Amino acid sequence: MAYKITDECISCGACAAECPVEAISEGDSKFVIDPDTCIECGACEGVCPVGAPVQD
């Protein structure tokens, strides 16, 4: 299951910088993960200071 970003996101961008396949982009109120591009590596989860990326 692809990762998703919860409403805990503070829009710091740490996850986007860490994503090896560029599946994460800045949305209107938080960063978002494209589920079709996500390879479920967990890199985003490891760098997020608030734990916003979670496996869907």
PDB file of N, CA and C in Angstrom:
ATOM      1  N   MET A   1       0.843  -1.194   0.000  1.00  0.00           N
ATOM      2  CA  MET A   1       0.000   0.000   0.000  1.00  0.00           C
ATOM      3  C   MET A   1       0.878   1.243   0.000  1.00  0.00           C
ATOM      4  N   ALA A   2       0.553   2.184  -0.849  1.00  0.00           N
ATOM      5  CA  ALA A   2       1.304   3.431  -0.953  1.00  0.00           C
ATOM      6  C   ALA A   2       1.173   4.245   0.329  1.00  0.00           C
ATOM      7  N   TYR A   3       2.132   5.134   0.529  1.00  0.00           N
ATOM      8  CA  TYR A   3       2.069   6.041   1.672  1.00  0.00           C
ATOM      9  C   TYR A   3       1.126   7.191   1.360  1.00  0.00           C
ATOM     10  N   LYS A   4       0.600   7.812   2.408  1.00  0.00           N
ATOM     11  CA  LYS A   4      -0.194   9.032   2.280  1.00  0.00           C
ATOM     12  C   LYS A   4       0.270   9.974   3.380  1.00  0.00           C
ATOM     13  N   ILE A   5      -0.031  11.242   3.235  1.00  0.00           N
ATOM     14  CA  ILE A   5       0.370  12.234   4.224  1.00  0.00           C
ATOM     15  C   ILE A   5      -0.864  12.713   4.964  1.00  0.00           C
ATOM     16  N   THR A   6      -0.825  12.596   6.293  1.00  0.00           N
ATOM     17  CA  THR A   6      -1.963  12.978   7.127  1.00  0.00           C
ATOM     18  C   THR A   6      -2.006  14.494   7.328  1.00  0.00           C
ATOM     19  N   ASP A   7      -3.050  14.949   7.990  1.00  0.00           N
ATOM     20  CA  ASP A   7      -3.220  16.379   8.266  1.00  0.00           C
ATOM     21  C   ASP A   7      -2.206  16.904   9.276  1.00  0.00           C
ATOM     22  N   GLU A   8      -1.379  16.024   9.841  1.00  0.00           N
ATOM     23  CA  GLU A   8      -0.329  16.464  10.761  1.00  0.00           C
ATOM     24  C   GLU A   8       0.780  17.214  10.018  1.00  0.00           C
ATOM     25  N   CYS A   9       0.797  17.135   8.697  1.00  0.00           N
ATOM     26  CA  CYS A   9       1.838  17.745   7.858  1.00  0.00           C
ATOM     27  C   CYS A   9       1.990  19.232   8.162  1.00  0.00           C
ATOM     28  N   ILE A  10       3.256  19.662   8.332  1.00  0.00           N
ATOM     29  CA  ILE A  10       3.553  21.073   8.587  1.00  0.00           C
ATOM     30  C   ILE A  10       4.190  21.738   7.358  1.00  0.00           C
ATOM     31  N   SER A  11       4.148  21.066   6.227  1.00  0.00           N
ATOM     32  CA  SER A  11       4.654  21.581   4.947  1.00  0.00           C
ATOM     33  C   SER A  11       6.122  22.002   4.991  1.00  0.00           C
ATOM     34  N   CYS A  12       6.946  21.210   5.670  1.00  0.00           N
ATOM     35  CA  CYS A  12       8.376  21.541   5.752  1.00  0.00           C
ATOM     36  C   CYS A  12       9.140  21.081   4.518  1.00  0.00           C
ATOM     37  N   GLY A  13       8.620  20.080   3.797  1.00  0.00           N
ATOM     38  CA  GLY A  13       9.254  19.617   2.575  1.00  0.00           C
ATOM     39  C   GLY A  13      10.332  18.565   2.743  1.00  0.00           C
ATOM     40  N   ALA A  14      10.596  18.148   3.967  1.00  0.00           N
ATOM     41  CA  ALA A  14      11.637  17.140   4.208  1.00  0.00           C
ATOM     42  C   ALA A  14      11.344  15.848   3.461  1.00  0.00           C
ATOM     43  N   CYS A  15      10.096  15.451   3.419  1.00  0.00           N
ATOM     44  CA  CYS A  15       9.713  14.206   2.755  1.00  0.00           C
ATOM     45  C   CYS A  15       9.945  14.277   1.253  1.00  0.00           C
ATOM     46  N   ALA A  16       9.589  15.404   0.648  1.00  0.00           N
ATOM     47  CA  ALA A  16       9.739  15.548  -0.793  1.00  0.00           C
ATOM     48  C   ALA A  16      11.202  15.471  -1.211  1.00  0.00           C
ATOM     49  N   ALA A  17      12.062  16.070  -0.415  1.00  0.00           N
ATOM     50  CA  ALA A  17      13.491  16.053  -0.716  1.00  0.00           C
ATOM     51  C   ALA A  17      14.075  14.648  -0.615  1.00  0.00           C
ATOM     52  N   GLU A  18      13.487  13.810   0.218  1.00  0.00           N
ATOM     53  CA  GLU A  18      13.999  12.458   0.468  1.00  0.00           C
ATOM     54  C   GLU A  18      13.455  11.412  -0.502  1.00  0.00           C
ATOM     55  N   CYS A  19      12.337  11.683  -1.156  1.00  0.00           N
ATOM     56  CA  CYS A  19      11.674  10.693  -2.019  1.00  0.00           C
ATOM     57  C   CYS A  19      12.527  10.381  -3.252  1.00  0.00           C
ATOM     58  N   PRO A  20      12.936   9.104  -3.425  1.00  0.00           N
ATOM     59  CA  PRO A  20      13.797   8.742  -4.556  1.00  0.00           C
ATOM     60  C   PRO A  20      13.095   8.722  -5.910  1.00  0.00           C
ATOM     61  N   VAL A  21      11.767   8.706  -5.918  1.00  0.00           N
ATOM     62  CA  VAL A  21      11.033   8.654  -7.189  1.00  0.00           C
ATOM     63  C   VAL A  21      10.195   9.914  -7.427  1.00  0.00           C
ATOM     64  N   GLU A  22      10.411  10.934  -6.619  1.00  0.00           N
ATOM     65  CA  GLU A  22       9.708  12.215  -6.752  1.00  0.00           C
ATOM     66  C   GLU A  22       8.188  12.062  -6.767  1.00  0.00           C
ATOM     67  N   ALA A  23       7.681  11.226  -5.867  1.00  0.00           N
ATOM     68  CA  ALA A  23       6.236  10.995  -5.772  1.00  0.00           C
ATOM     69  C   ALA A  23       5.539  12.020  -4.893  1.00  0.00           C
ATOM     70  N   ILE A  24       6.305  12.882  -4.216  1.00  0.00           N
ATOM     71  CA  ILE A  24       5.730  13.823  -3.262  1.00  0.00           C
ATOM     72  C   ILE A  24       5.815  15.242  -3.806  1.00  0.00           C
ATOM     73  N   SER A  25       4.690  15.951  -3.739  1.00  0.00           N
ATOM     74  CA  SER A  25       4.646  17.331  -4.201  1.00  0.00           C
ATOM     75  C   SER A  25       3.854  18.179  -3.217  1.00  0.00           C
ATOM     76  N   GLU A  26       4.030  19.497  -3.333  1.00  0.00           N
ATOM     77  CA  GLU A  26       3.342  20.407  -2.440  1.00  0.00           C
ATOM     78  C   GLU A  26       1.901  20.584  -2.898  1.00  0.00           C
ATOM     79  N   GLY A  27       0.974  20.314  -1.991  1.00  0.00           N
ATOM     80  CA  GLY A  27      -0.440  20.496  -2.291  1.00  0.00           C
ATOM     81  C   GLY A  27      -0.916  21.844  -1.780  1.00  0.00           C
ATOM     82  N   ASP A  28      -2.225  22.025  -1.698  1.00  0.00           N
ATOM     83  CA  ASP A  28      -2.783  23.298  -1.245  1.00  0.00           C
ATOM     84  C   ASP A  28      -2.502  23.578   0.223  1.00  0.00           C
ATOM     85  N   SER A  29      -2.712  22.585   1.079  1.00  0.00           N
ATOM     86  CA  SER A  29      -2.530  22.816   2.515  1.00  0.00           C
ATOM     87  C   SER A  29      -1.496  21.888   3.145  1.00  0.00           C
ATOM     88  N   LYS A  30      -1.027  20.906   2.390  1.00  0.00           N
ATOM     89  CA  LYS A  30      -0.024  19.955   2.878  1.00  0.00           C
ATOM     90  C   LYS A  30       0.620  19.284   1.673  1.00  0.00           C
ATOM     91  N   PHE A  31       1.703  18.583   1.913  1.00  0.00           N
ATOM     92  CA  PHE A  31       2.339  17.823   0.836  1.00  0.00           C
ATOM     93  C   PHE A  31       1.485  16.590   0.540  1.00  0.00           C
ATOM     94  N   VAL A  32       1.535  16.107  -0.696  1.00  0.00           N
ATOM     95  CA  VAL A  32       0.744  14.949  -1.107  1.00  0.00           C
ATOM     96  C   VAL A  32       1.633  13.934  -1.813  1.00  0.00           C
ATOM     97  N   ILE A  33       1.255  12.669  -1.733  1.00  0.00           N
ATOM     98  CA  ILE A  33       1.994  11.584  -2.357  1.00  0.00           C
ATOM     99  C   ILE A  33       1.150  10.989  -3.481  1.00  0.00           C
ATOM    100  N   ASP A  34       1.735  10.878  -4.655  1.00  0.00           N
ATOM    101  CA  ASP A  34       1.063  10.239  -5.789  1.00  0.00           C
ATOM    102  C   ASP A  34       1.134   8.733  -5.572  1.00  0.00           C
ATOM    103  N   PRO A  35       0.005   8.084  -5.309  1.00  0.00           N
ATOM    104  CA  PRO A  35       0.024   6.642  -5.009  1.00  0.00           C
ATOM    105  C   PRO A  35       0.493   5.779  -6.174  1.00  0.00           C
ATOM    106  N   ASP A  36       0.364   6.285  -7.403  1.00  0.00           N
ATOM    107  CA  ASP A  36       0.801   5.523  -8.568  1.00  0.00           C
ATOM    108  C   ASP A  36       2.315   5.561  -8.742  1.00  0.00           C
ATOM    109  N   THR A  37       2.963   6.568  -8.177  1.00  0.00           N
ATOM    110  CA  THR A  37       4.411   6.721  -8.289  1.00  0.00           C
ATOM    111  C   THR A  37       5.139   6.165  -7.070  1.00  0.00           C
ATOM    112  N   CYS A  38       4.501   6.203  -5.911  1.00  0.00           N
ATOM    113  CA  CYS A  38       5.094   5.755  -4.643  1.00  0.00           C
ATOM    114  C   CYS A  38       5.549   4.296  -4.737  1.00  0.00           C
ATOM    115  N   ILE A  39       6.806   4.051  -4.313  1.00  0.00           N
ATOM    116  CA  ILE A  39       7.339   2.683  -4.325  1.00  0.00           C
ATOM    117  C   ILE A  39       7.375   2.067  -2.916  1.00  0.00           C
ATOM    118  N   GLU A  40       6.731   2.738  -1.972  1.00  0.00           N
ATOM    119  CA  GLU A  40       6.580   2.218  -0.607  1.00  0.00           C
ATOM    120  C   GLU A  40       7.915   1.962   0.091  1.00  0.00           C
ATOM    121  N   CYS A  41       8.902   2.822  -0.157  1.00  0.00           N
ATOM    122  CA  CYS A  41      10.230   2.612   0.430  1.00  0.00           C
ATOM    123  C   CYS A  41      10.318   3.072   1.881  1.00  0.00           C
ATOM    124  N   GLY A  42       9.449   4.015   2.281  1.00  0.00           N
ATOM    125  CA  GLY A  42       9.450   4.495   3.654  1.00  0.00           C
ATOM    126  C   GLY A  42      10.433   5.609   3.953  1.00  0.00           C
ATOM    127  N   ALA A  43      11.139   6.093   2.939  1.00  0.00           N
ATOM    128  CA  ALA A  43      12.119   7.166   3.157  1.00  0.00           C
ATOM    129  C   ALA A  43      11.449   8.414   3.728  1.00  0.00           C
ATOM    130  N   CYS A  44      10.268   8.734   3.259  1.00  0.00           N
ATOM    131  CA  CYS A  44       9.551   9.924   3.726  1.00  0.00           C
ATOM    132  C   CYS A  44       9.183   9.807   5.206  1.00  0.00           C
ATOM    133  N   GLU A  45       8.766   8.631   5.581  1.00  0.00           N
ATOM    134  CA  GLU A  45       8.364   8.390   6.969  1.00  0.00           C
ATOM    135  C   GLU A  45       9.533   8.610   7.925  1.00  0.00           C
ATOM    136  N   GLY A  46      10.727   8.236   7.501  1.00  0.00           N
ATOM    137  CA  GLY A  46      11.902   8.333   8.352  1.00  0.00           C
ATOM    138  C   GLY A  46      12.402   9.741   8.597  1.00  0.00           C
ATOM    139  N   VAL A  47      12.093  10.675   7.697  1.00  0.00           N
ATOM    140  CA  VAL A  47      12.596  12.038   7.849  1.00  0.00           C
ATOM    141  C   VAL A  47      11.564  13.041   8.341  1.00  0.00           C
ATOM    142  N   CYS A  48      10.314  12.666   8.367  1.00  0.00           N
ATOM    143  CA  CYS A  48       9.259  13.608   8.766  1.00  0.00           C
ATOM    144  C   CYS A  48       9.331  13.894  10.269  1.00  0.00           C
ATOM    145  N   PRO A  49       9.415  15.187  10.651  1.00  0.00           N
ATOM    146  CA  PRO A  49       9.513  15.522  12.076  1.00  0.00           C
ATOM    147  C   PRO A  49       8.206  15.333  12.854  1.00  0.00           C
ATOM    148  N   VAL A  50       7.078  15.201  12.143  1.00  0.00           N
ATOM    149  CA  VAL A  50       5.798  15.036  12.836  1.00  0.00           C
ATOM    150  C   VAL A  50       5.103  13.709  12.529  1.00  0.00           C
ATOM    151  N   GLY A  51       5.753  12.836  11.770  1.00  0.00           N
ATOM    152  CA  GLY A  51       5.179  11.519  11.477  1.00  0.00           C
ATOM    153  C   GLY A  51       3.966  11.553  10.559  1.00  0.00           C
ATOM    154  N   ALA A  52       3.896  12.545   9.660  1.00  0.00           N
ATOM    155  CA  ALA A  52       2.734  12.667   8.794  1.00  0.00           C
ATOM    156  C   ALA A  52       2.620  11.582   7.725  1.00  0.00           C
ATOM    157  N   PRO A  53       3.722  11.133   7.108  1.00  0.00           N
ATOM    158  CA  PRO A  53       3.572  10.059   6.111  1.00  0.00           C
ATOM    159  C   PRO A  53       3.290   8.711   6.791  1.00  0.00           C
ATOM    160  N   VAL A  54       2.212   8.073   6.388  1.00  0.00           N
ATOM    161  CA  VAL A  54       1.839   6.770   6.933  1.00  0.00           C
ATOM    162  C   VAL A  54       1.445   5.861   5.787  1.00  0.00           C
ATOM    163  N   GLN A  55       1.612   4.575   5.988  1.00  0.00           N
ATOM    164  CA  GLN A  55       1.201   3.642   4.945  1.00  0.00           C
ATOM    165  C   GLN A  55      -0.307   3.532   4.937  1.00  0.00           C
ATOM    166  N   ASP A  56      -0.887   3.680   3.755  1.00  0.00           N
ATOM    167  CA  ASP A  56      -2.349   3.707   3.592  1.00  0.00           C
ATOM    168  C   ASP A  56      -2.945   2.323   3.800  1.00  0.00           C
TER     169      ASP A  56
END
